N, C-alpha and C. Protein backbone atom coordinates (compact mmCIF):
# COMPACT_ATOMS: atom_id res chain seq x y z
N MET A 1 114.13 296.74 126.84
CA MET A 1 114.79 296.51 128.11
C MET A 1 115.78 297.64 128.37
N GLN A 2 115.83 298.09 129.58
CA GLN A 2 116.74 299.16 130.01
C GLN A 2 118.08 298.53 130.41
N TYR A 3 119.17 299.07 129.87
CA TYR A 3 120.49 298.60 130.23
C TYR A 3 121.24 299.69 130.96
N TYR A 4 122.16 299.27 131.83
CA TYR A 4 123.01 300.19 132.58
C TYR A 4 124.45 299.80 132.28
N TRP A 5 125.28 300.79 132.07
CA TRP A 5 126.62 300.57 131.52
C TRP A 5 127.69 301.03 132.49
N ARG A 6 128.83 300.34 132.42
CA ARG A 6 130.05 300.77 133.10
C ARG A 6 131.19 300.58 132.10
N ILE A 7 132.17 301.48 132.15
CA ILE A 7 133.32 301.37 131.26
C ILE A 7 134.59 301.53 132.08
N TRP A 8 135.55 300.69 131.76
CA TRP A 8 136.83 300.66 132.48
C TRP A 8 137.97 300.78 131.48
N LEU A 9 138.96 301.57 131.83
CA LEU A 9 140.22 301.64 131.07
C LEU A 9 141.17 300.67 131.74
N TRP A 10 141.75 299.77 130.94
CA TRP A 10 142.67 298.76 131.47
C TRP A 10 144.10 299.24 131.35
N LYS A 11 144.86 299.02 132.43
CA LYS A 11 146.30 299.28 132.42
C LYS A 11 146.97 298.17 133.20
N ASP A 12 148.08 297.71 132.70
CA ASP A 12 148.87 296.65 133.34
C ASP A 12 148.06 295.39 133.61
N GLY A 13 147.16 295.05 132.67
CA GLY A 13 146.42 293.80 132.77
C GLY A 13 145.27 293.79 133.77
N LYS A 14 144.85 294.95 134.25
CA LYS A 14 143.73 294.98 135.20
C LYS A 14 142.93 296.26 135.00
N LYS A 15 141.67 296.21 135.47
CA LYS A 15 140.82 297.40 135.40
C LYS A 15 141.42 298.45 136.32
N SER A 16 141.70 299.62 135.78
CA SER A 16 142.36 300.61 136.62
C SER A 16 141.57 301.90 136.80
N THR A 17 140.90 302.34 135.75
CA THR A 17 140.19 303.61 135.84
C THR A 17 138.77 303.43 135.33
N GLU A 18 137.81 303.78 136.16
CA GLU A 18 136.42 303.73 135.73
C GLU A 18 136.07 305.07 135.10
N LEU A 19 135.53 305.01 133.88
CA LEU A 19 135.16 306.22 133.15
C LEU A 19 133.65 306.29 132.90
N THR A 20 132.88 305.60 133.72
CA THR A 20 131.44 305.51 133.53
C THR A 20 130.77 306.88 133.56
N GLU A 21 131.21 307.78 134.42
CA GLU A 21 130.58 309.08 134.54
C GLU A 21 130.68 309.92 133.26
N PHE A 22 131.63 309.58 132.38
CA PHE A 22 131.82 310.33 131.14
C PHE A 22 131.16 309.67 129.93
N MET A 23 130.72 308.43 130.09
CA MET A 23 130.16 307.67 128.98
C MET A 23 128.75 308.16 128.63
N THR A 24 128.55 308.46 127.35
CA THR A 24 127.20 308.82 126.91
C THR A 24 126.51 307.57 126.38
N VAL A 25 125.23 307.50 126.62
CA VAL A 25 124.43 306.35 126.19
C VAL A 25 123.60 306.81 125.01
N PRO A 26 123.38 306.05 123.99
CA PRO A 26 123.62 304.61 123.91
C PRO A 26 125.04 304.28 123.48
N PHE A 27 125.43 303.08 123.84
CA PHE A 27 126.70 302.51 123.41
C PHE A 27 126.42 301.67 122.18
N PHE A 28 127.13 301.93 121.11
CA PHE A 28 126.89 301.21 119.86
C PHE A 28 127.89 300.07 119.74
N HIS A 29 127.38 298.85 119.64
CA HIS A 29 128.23 297.68 119.48
C HIS A 29 127.66 296.83 118.36
N GLU A 30 128.51 296.44 117.43
CA GLU A 30 128.10 295.59 116.32
C GLU A 30 128.80 294.25 116.46
N GLY A 31 128.11 293.30 117.07
CA GLY A 31 128.64 291.95 117.21
C GLY A 31 128.30 291.14 115.97
N CYS A 32 129.31 290.75 115.24
CA CYS A 32 129.08 290.07 113.96
C CYS A 32 129.29 288.57 114.11
N LEU A 33 128.50 287.81 113.38
CA LEU A 33 128.63 286.35 113.37
C LEU A 33 129.01 285.84 111.99
N ASN A 34 129.51 286.72 111.14
CA ASN A 34 129.78 286.33 109.75
C ASN A 34 131.26 286.46 109.39
N GLN A 35 132.13 286.12 110.30
CA GLN A 35 133.58 286.13 110.06
C GLN A 35 134.16 287.53 109.95
N THR A 36 133.41 288.57 110.29
CA THR A 36 133.97 289.92 110.31
C THR A 36 134.24 290.32 111.75
N ILE A 37 135.03 291.35 111.91
CA ILE A 37 135.48 291.76 113.24
C ILE A 37 134.42 292.64 113.91
N ASN A 38 134.18 292.38 115.20
CA ASN A 38 133.24 293.18 115.98
C ASN A 38 133.77 294.60 116.13
N THR A 39 132.88 295.57 116.00
CA THR A 39 133.25 296.97 116.17
C THR A 39 132.28 297.63 117.14
N ALA A 40 132.69 298.78 117.67
CA ALA A 40 131.85 299.53 118.59
C ALA A 40 132.27 300.98 118.56
N GLU A 41 131.40 301.82 119.10
CA GLU A 41 131.73 303.23 119.24
C GLU A 41 131.25 303.69 120.60
N VAL A 42 132.13 304.39 121.30
CA VAL A 42 131.77 304.94 122.61
C VAL A 42 132.18 306.41 122.63
N ILE A 43 131.36 307.21 123.30
CA ILE A 43 131.65 308.64 123.43
C ILE A 43 131.87 308.93 124.91
N LEU A 44 133.03 309.47 125.22
CA LEU A 44 133.35 309.92 126.58
C LEU A 44 133.33 311.44 126.54
N ASP A 45 132.29 312.02 127.13
CA ASP A 45 132.06 313.46 127.02
C ASP A 45 132.37 314.15 128.35
N CYS A 46 132.70 315.42 128.27
CA CYS A 46 132.97 316.27 129.44
C CYS A 46 134.15 315.78 130.27
N MET A 47 135.16 315.23 129.61
CA MET A 47 136.38 314.82 130.32
C MET A 47 137.28 316.03 130.50
N ALA A 48 138.08 315.99 131.52
CA ALA A 48 139.00 317.10 131.81
C ALA A 48 139.96 317.29 130.64
N ILE A 49 140.35 318.53 130.40
CA ILE A 49 141.22 318.85 129.27
C ILE A 49 142.59 318.17 129.40
N GLU A 50 142.95 317.75 130.61
CA GLU A 50 144.22 317.03 130.80
C GLU A 50 144.22 315.69 130.06
N THR A 51 143.04 315.19 129.76
CA THR A 51 142.93 313.92 129.02
C THR A 51 142.82 314.17 127.52
N LYS A 52 143.24 315.36 127.09
CA LYS A 52 143.11 315.75 125.68
C LYS A 52 143.88 314.81 124.75
N LYS A 53 144.94 314.24 125.26
CA LYS A 53 145.74 313.33 124.43
C LYS A 53 144.90 312.09 124.08
N ALA A 54 144.86 311.75 122.81
CA ALA A 54 144.05 310.62 122.34
C ALA A 54 144.59 309.30 122.90
N PHE A 55 143.67 308.37 123.15
CA PHE A 55 144.09 307.04 123.59
C PHE A 55 144.76 306.36 122.40
N PRO A 56 145.94 305.80 122.60
CA PRO A 56 146.64 305.17 121.48
C PRO A 56 145.93 303.90 121.02
N PRO A 57 146.14 303.51 119.76
CA PRO A 57 145.56 302.25 119.29
C PRO A 57 146.00 301.08 120.17
N LYS A 58 145.13 300.10 120.28
CA LYS A 58 145.32 298.88 121.07
C LYS A 58 145.19 299.11 122.57
N THR A 59 144.73 300.30 122.99
CA THR A 59 144.42 300.51 124.40
C THR A 59 143.15 299.73 124.72
N LYS A 60 143.17 298.97 125.81
CA LYS A 60 142.04 298.09 126.12
C LYS A 60 141.01 298.79 126.99
N PHE A 61 139.75 298.60 126.62
CA PHE A 61 138.61 299.03 127.42
C PHE A 61 137.73 297.82 127.70
N ARG A 62 137.12 297.81 128.87
CA ARG A 62 136.12 296.81 129.20
C ARG A 62 134.81 297.54 129.44
N ILE A 63 133.79 297.13 128.71
CA ILE A 63 132.47 297.72 128.86
C ILE A 63 131.55 296.64 129.41
N GLU A 64 130.86 296.97 130.49
CA GLU A 64 129.98 296.01 131.15
C GLU A 64 128.53 296.49 131.01
N ARG A 65 127.65 295.57 130.65
CA ARG A 65 126.23 295.88 130.50
C ARG A 65 125.44 295.15 131.58
N TYR A 66 124.69 295.93 132.37
CA TYR A 66 123.88 295.39 133.45
C TYR A 66 122.40 295.60 133.14
N THR A 67 121.56 294.80 133.77
CA THR A 67 120.11 295.00 133.65
C THR A 67 119.51 295.61 134.90
N THR A 68 120.29 295.69 135.98
CA THR A 68 119.81 296.32 137.21
C THR A 68 120.57 297.63 137.43
N GLN A 69 119.88 298.61 137.98
CA GLN A 69 120.46 299.93 138.15
C GLN A 69 121.57 299.95 139.20
N ASP A 70 121.51 299.04 140.16
CA ASP A 70 122.54 299.01 141.21
C ASP A 70 123.72 298.10 140.85
N PHE A 71 123.78 297.63 139.61
CA PHE A 71 124.87 296.80 139.09
C PHE A 71 125.05 295.51 139.90
N SER A 72 123.95 294.92 140.35
CA SER A 72 124.03 293.73 141.19
C SER A 72 123.95 292.42 140.41
N ASP A 73 123.54 292.47 139.15
CA ASP A 73 123.43 291.24 138.36
C ASP A 73 124.76 290.92 137.68
N ILE A 74 124.80 289.81 137.00
CA ILE A 74 126.02 289.41 136.28
C ILE A 74 126.04 290.16 134.95
N PRO A 75 127.12 290.90 134.68
CA PRO A 75 127.13 291.74 133.48
C PRO A 75 127.49 290.97 132.22
N LYS A 76 127.07 291.49 131.10
CA LYS A 76 127.57 291.07 129.78
C LYS A 76 128.82 291.91 129.55
N ILE A 77 129.93 291.27 129.24
CA ILE A 77 131.21 291.96 129.15
C ILE A 77 131.65 292.08 127.71
N PHE A 78 132.10 293.27 127.34
CA PHE A 78 132.66 293.54 126.03
C PHE A 78 134.10 294.01 126.23
N ASP A 79 135.07 293.19 125.86
CA ASP A 79 136.48 293.60 125.88
C ASP A 79 136.83 294.07 124.48
N LEU A 80 137.25 295.32 124.38
CA LEU A 80 137.53 295.93 123.08
C LEU A 80 138.80 296.75 123.17
N VAL A 81 139.41 297.00 122.02
CA VAL A 81 140.61 297.84 121.98
C VAL A 81 140.36 299.03 121.05
N VAL A 82 141.12 300.08 121.29
CA VAL A 82 140.95 301.31 120.51
C VAL A 82 141.48 301.11 119.10
N GLN A 83 140.65 301.49 118.14
CA GLN A 83 141.10 301.54 116.75
C GLN A 83 141.46 302.98 116.40
N ASP A 84 140.62 303.92 116.85
CA ASP A 84 140.84 305.33 116.56
C ASP A 84 140.15 306.16 117.63
N ASP A 85 140.80 307.23 118.06
CA ASP A 85 140.22 308.13 119.05
C ASP A 85 140.27 309.55 118.50
N ASN A 86 139.11 310.14 118.30
CA ASN A 86 139.02 311.52 117.84
C ASN A 86 138.67 312.40 119.03
N VAL A 87 139.56 313.31 119.37
CA VAL A 87 139.35 314.20 120.51
C VAL A 87 138.86 315.55 120.01
N GLU A 88 137.76 316.01 120.61
CA GLU A 88 137.18 317.30 120.23
C GLU A 88 137.24 318.24 121.42
N GLU A 89 137.61 319.47 121.16
CA GLU A 89 137.62 320.49 122.21
C GLU A 89 136.42 321.40 122.01
N TYR A 90 135.88 321.91 123.11
CA TYR A 90 134.76 322.82 123.04
C TYR A 90 135.27 324.26 122.99
N VAL A 91 134.74 325.06 122.07
CA VAL A 91 135.18 326.44 121.91
C VAL A 91 134.79 327.27 123.13
N GLY A 92 133.57 327.11 123.60
CA GLY A 92 133.09 327.92 124.70
C GLY A 92 133.49 327.42 126.07
N CYS A 93 134.07 326.23 126.16
CA CYS A 93 134.44 325.65 127.46
C CYS A 93 135.81 324.97 127.33
N PRO A 94 136.87 325.72 127.46
CA PRO A 94 138.20 325.17 127.19
C PRO A 94 138.72 324.18 128.23
N GLU A 95 137.99 323.97 129.33
CA GLU A 95 138.50 323.05 130.35
C GLU A 95 138.01 321.62 130.19
N ILE A 96 137.15 321.34 129.16
CA ILE A 96 136.69 319.96 128.93
C ILE A 96 136.89 319.58 127.46
N CYS A 97 136.86 318.26 127.22
CA CYS A 97 136.98 317.74 125.85
C CYS A 97 136.09 316.50 125.71
N CYS A 98 135.97 316.02 124.49
CA CYS A 98 135.14 314.86 124.19
C CYS A 98 135.96 313.86 123.38
N HIS A 99 135.91 312.61 123.78
CA HIS A 99 136.59 311.53 123.05
C HIS A 99 135.54 310.71 122.32
N ARG A 100 135.66 310.62 121.00
CA ARG A 100 134.82 309.71 120.20
C ARG A 100 135.73 308.55 119.80
N ILE A 101 135.51 307.42 120.44
CA ILE A 101 136.44 306.29 120.31
C ILE A 101 135.80 305.19 119.48
N ASP A 102 136.48 304.81 118.41
CA ASP A 102 136.10 303.64 117.62
C ASP A 102 136.85 302.45 118.20
N LEU A 103 136.10 301.44 118.59
CA LEU A 103 136.67 300.25 119.21
C LEU A 103 136.53 299.06 118.28
N ILE A 104 137.39 298.09 118.49
CA ILE A 104 137.41 296.91 117.63
C ILE A 104 137.78 295.70 118.49
N SER A 105 137.46 294.53 118.02
CA SER A 105 137.74 293.29 118.75
C SER A 105 139.24 293.13 119.00
N PRO A 106 139.63 292.63 120.18
CA PRO A 106 141.05 292.45 120.48
C PRO A 106 141.75 291.43 119.59
N SER A 107 141.00 290.65 118.81
CA SER A 107 141.63 289.67 117.93
C SER A 107 142.50 290.34 116.87
N VAL A 108 142.31 291.63 116.61
CA VAL A 108 143.15 292.31 115.62
C VAL A 108 144.59 292.41 116.09
N ILE A 109 144.81 292.37 117.40
CA ILE A 109 146.19 292.40 117.91
C ILE A 109 146.91 291.13 117.47
N ALA A 110 146.24 290.00 117.57
CA ALA A 110 146.85 288.73 117.15
C ALA A 110 147.09 288.70 115.65
N GLN A 111 146.24 289.36 114.87
CA GLN A 111 146.43 289.37 113.43
C GLN A 111 147.68 290.13 113.03
N GLY A 112 148.14 291.03 113.86
CA GLY A 112 149.33 291.80 113.53
C GLY A 112 150.61 291.20 114.06
N MET A 113 150.54 290.08 114.76
CA MET A 113 151.73 289.47 115.34
C MET A 113 152.44 288.59 114.33
N HIS A 114 153.75 288.57 114.39
CA HIS A 114 154.55 287.68 113.57
C HIS A 114 155.11 286.59 114.47
N VAL A 115 154.96 285.36 114.07
CA VAL A 115 155.44 284.24 114.86
C VAL A 115 156.61 283.59 114.15
N ASP A 116 157.36 282.81 114.90
CA ASP A 116 158.44 282.04 114.30
C ASP A 116 157.86 281.06 113.30
N ASN A 117 158.70 280.63 112.37
CA ASN A 117 158.25 279.65 111.39
C ASN A 117 157.81 278.37 112.09
N ILE A 118 156.75 277.82 111.61
CA ILE A 118 156.22 276.57 112.15
C ILE A 118 156.23 275.55 111.04
N SER A 119 156.85 274.43 111.28
CA SER A 119 156.81 273.39 110.27
C SER A 119 156.13 272.17 110.86
N LEU A 120 155.45 271.46 110.03
CA LEU A 120 154.71 270.30 110.45
C LEU A 120 154.99 269.19 109.45
N THR A 121 155.38 268.04 109.94
CA THR A 121 155.65 266.93 109.04
C THR A 121 154.75 265.76 109.40
N TYR A 122 154.43 264.96 108.43
CA TYR A 122 153.59 263.80 108.62
C TYR A 122 154.38 262.55 108.24
N GLU A 123 154.12 261.47 108.95
CA GLU A 123 154.72 260.21 108.57
C GLU A 123 154.01 259.70 107.32
N LEU A 124 154.76 259.09 106.43
CA LEU A 124 154.17 258.56 105.22
C LEU A 124 153.23 257.41 105.53
N GLN A 125 152.08 257.41 104.95
CA GLN A 125 151.08 256.35 105.04
C GLN A 125 150.67 256.04 106.47
N ASP A 126 150.74 256.99 107.39
CA ASP A 126 150.30 256.77 108.76
C ASP A 126 149.53 258.00 109.22
N ALA A 127 148.22 257.91 109.17
CA ALA A 127 147.39 259.01 109.61
C ALA A 127 146.68 258.69 110.91
N THR A 128 147.09 257.61 111.59
CA THR A 128 146.40 257.20 112.81
C THR A 128 146.85 257.99 114.02
N LEU A 129 148.02 258.60 113.95
CA LEU A 129 148.62 259.36 115.06
C LEU A 129 148.89 258.50 116.28
N ASN A 130 149.08 257.19 116.06
CA ASN A 130 149.48 256.30 117.15
C ASN A 130 151.00 256.24 117.16
N TYR A 131 151.61 256.91 118.10
CA TYR A 131 153.07 257.01 118.16
C TYR A 131 153.58 256.29 119.39
N LYS A 132 154.79 255.78 119.26
CA LYS A 132 155.46 255.18 120.39
C LYS A 132 156.46 256.19 120.93
N THR A 133 156.59 256.23 122.23
CA THR A 133 157.58 257.09 122.84
C THR A 133 158.91 256.35 122.85
N THR A 134 159.94 257.00 122.41
CA THR A 134 161.27 256.38 122.40
C THR A 134 162.19 257.20 123.28
N ARG A 135 163.23 256.54 123.74
CA ARG A 135 164.22 257.26 124.53
C ARG A 135 165.61 256.79 124.14
N SER A 136 166.54 257.65 124.36
CA SER A 136 167.91 257.35 123.98
C SER A 136 168.53 256.37 124.97
N ASP A 137 169.36 255.50 124.45
CA ASP A 137 170.13 254.63 125.33
C ASP A 137 171.60 254.75 124.96
N ASN A 138 172.44 254.02 125.61
CA ASN A 138 173.88 254.12 125.39
C ASN A 138 174.42 252.97 124.55
N THR A 139 173.65 252.52 123.58
CA THR A 139 174.09 251.44 122.71
C THR A 139 175.24 251.94 121.84
N PRO A 140 176.32 251.14 121.70
CA PRO A 140 177.45 251.57 120.85
C PRO A 140 177.01 251.76 119.39
N VAL A 141 177.66 252.68 118.71
CA VAL A 141 177.32 253.01 117.33
C VAL A 141 178.54 252.78 116.46
N SER A 142 178.32 252.17 115.29
CA SER A 142 179.40 252.03 114.32
C SER A 142 178.99 252.78 113.06
N VAL A 143 179.96 253.04 112.19
CA VAL A 143 179.69 253.79 110.97
C VAL A 143 179.70 252.82 109.80
N SER A 144 178.67 252.93 108.96
CA SER A 144 178.56 252.08 107.79
C SER A 144 178.61 252.97 106.55
N ILE A 145 179.29 252.49 105.51
CA ILE A 145 179.37 253.22 104.26
C ILE A 145 178.26 252.69 103.34
N VAL A 146 177.29 253.58 102.99
CA VAL A 146 176.18 253.19 102.12
C VAL A 146 175.94 254.30 101.11
N ASN A 147 175.09 254.04 100.15
CA ASN A 147 174.64 255.03 99.17
C ASN A 147 175.80 255.75 98.48
N GLY A 148 176.67 254.99 97.92
CA GLY A 148 177.74 255.59 97.13
C GLY A 148 178.79 256.32 97.96
N GLY A 149 179.05 255.87 99.16
CA GLY A 149 180.15 256.43 99.91
C GLY A 149 179.77 257.32 101.07
N SER A 150 178.47 257.57 101.34
CA SER A 150 178.11 258.42 102.48
C SER A 150 178.12 257.60 103.76
N GLU A 151 178.48 258.23 104.86
CA GLU A 151 178.55 257.55 106.14
C GLU A 151 177.21 257.69 106.86
N GLN A 152 176.79 256.61 107.52
CA GLN A 152 175.56 256.64 108.27
C GLN A 152 175.77 255.84 109.54
N PRO A 153 175.45 256.41 110.72
CA PRO A 153 175.64 255.65 111.96
C PRO A 153 174.60 254.54 112.08
N ILE A 154 175.05 253.39 112.55
CA ILE A 154 174.16 252.24 112.75
C ILE A 154 174.39 251.76 114.18
N ARG A 155 173.31 251.54 114.91
CA ARG A 155 173.43 251.03 116.27
C ARG A 155 173.77 249.54 116.22
N GLU A 156 174.59 249.11 117.13
CA GLU A 156 175.04 247.73 117.14
C GLU A 156 174.16 246.85 118.03
N THR A 157 172.87 246.92 117.83
CA THR A 157 171.95 246.05 118.55
C THR A 157 170.76 245.77 117.66
N GLU A 158 170.13 244.63 117.85
CA GLU A 158 168.98 244.26 117.04
C GLU A 158 167.68 244.82 117.63
N ALA A 159 167.69 245.23 118.90
CA ALA A 159 166.46 245.67 119.56
C ALA A 159 166.05 247.09 119.11
N PHE A 160 166.99 247.85 118.62
CA PHE A 160 166.69 249.23 118.24
C PHE A 160 166.51 249.30 116.73
N THR A 161 165.44 249.93 116.24
CA THR A 161 165.11 249.88 114.82
C THR A 161 165.33 251.20 114.10
N TRP A 162 166.06 252.12 114.68
CA TRP A 162 166.30 253.41 114.02
C TRP A 162 167.77 253.71 114.09
N PRO A 163 168.45 254.23 113.16
CA PRO A 163 167.98 254.59 111.85
C PRO A 163 168.01 253.39 110.91
N VAL A 164 167.29 253.52 109.82
CA VAL A 164 167.31 252.48 108.81
C VAL A 164 168.36 252.85 107.78
N ARG A 165 168.83 251.87 107.04
CA ARG A 165 169.78 252.18 105.98
C ARG A 165 169.33 251.50 104.70
N LEU A 166 169.59 252.15 103.60
CA LEU A 166 169.23 251.63 102.30
C LEU A 166 170.42 250.92 101.70
N GLU A 167 170.18 249.77 101.08
CA GLU A 167 171.25 249.07 100.41
C GLU A 167 170.84 248.82 98.97
N GLY A 168 171.72 249.14 98.06
CA GLY A 168 171.50 248.88 96.65
C GLY A 168 170.48 249.80 96.05
N GLY A 169 170.85 250.83 95.45
CA GLY A 169 169.92 251.69 94.73
C GLY A 169 169.79 253.07 95.32
N GLY A 170 170.19 253.29 96.58
CA GLY A 170 170.15 254.63 97.15
C GLY A 170 168.74 255.14 97.33
N ILE A 171 168.56 256.44 97.12
CA ILE A 171 167.27 257.08 97.35
C ILE A 171 166.26 256.60 96.32
N GLY A 172 165.09 256.20 96.80
CA GLY A 172 164.01 255.81 95.91
C GLY A 172 164.09 254.38 95.43
N GLY A 173 165.05 253.63 95.86
CA GLY A 173 165.14 252.25 95.44
C GLY A 173 165.93 251.46 96.42
N GLY A 174 166.02 250.19 96.23
CA GLY A 174 166.82 249.37 97.12
C GLY A 174 165.98 248.71 98.19
N THR A 175 166.66 248.07 99.10
CA THR A 175 166.02 247.33 100.16
C THR A 175 166.30 248.02 101.47
N VAL A 176 165.29 248.11 102.31
CA VAL A 176 165.47 248.71 103.63
C VAL A 176 165.91 247.63 104.59
N ILE A 177 167.02 247.85 105.26
CA ILE A 177 167.55 246.89 106.24
C ILE A 177 167.47 247.57 107.60
N VAL A 178 166.82 246.87 108.51
CA VAL A 178 166.64 247.44 109.84
C VAL A 178 167.58 246.76 110.80
């Protein structure tokens, strides 16, 4: 099957520059299904020498593959980012250059991100995930001395069941009074 290609350089979250006229075919793409990262290689040849500066890593390109020559069908889209760009200059023609760009899946950007610490806690002996929504009210609170002299606030109503307090034995023992 004959494929027709278009390539776009992305800037500011949108397709900004079409570089299709410089793209040499074939376009090599290795789509992996075995937990490895997709890679590709594209060659942009005969570009103006003003573009001699290599595209920095993580620069986004969108490559579209069509089956019709007039680009009227729905394309297969490959969103990739630059891993490495090797720029070659021609000795006999100093006004043009060639970019050999190794591309990689954009998921590598997420692999390099650091996130805030995430903690996850589970209720003891409750894996059903059936939770009740609670809301604060203005019930008066008194202070009770428990567990060898520590203070713990206790709500002065029977309708509210939090917090619980331990009596006799402290942590790991005693009776729970609600």
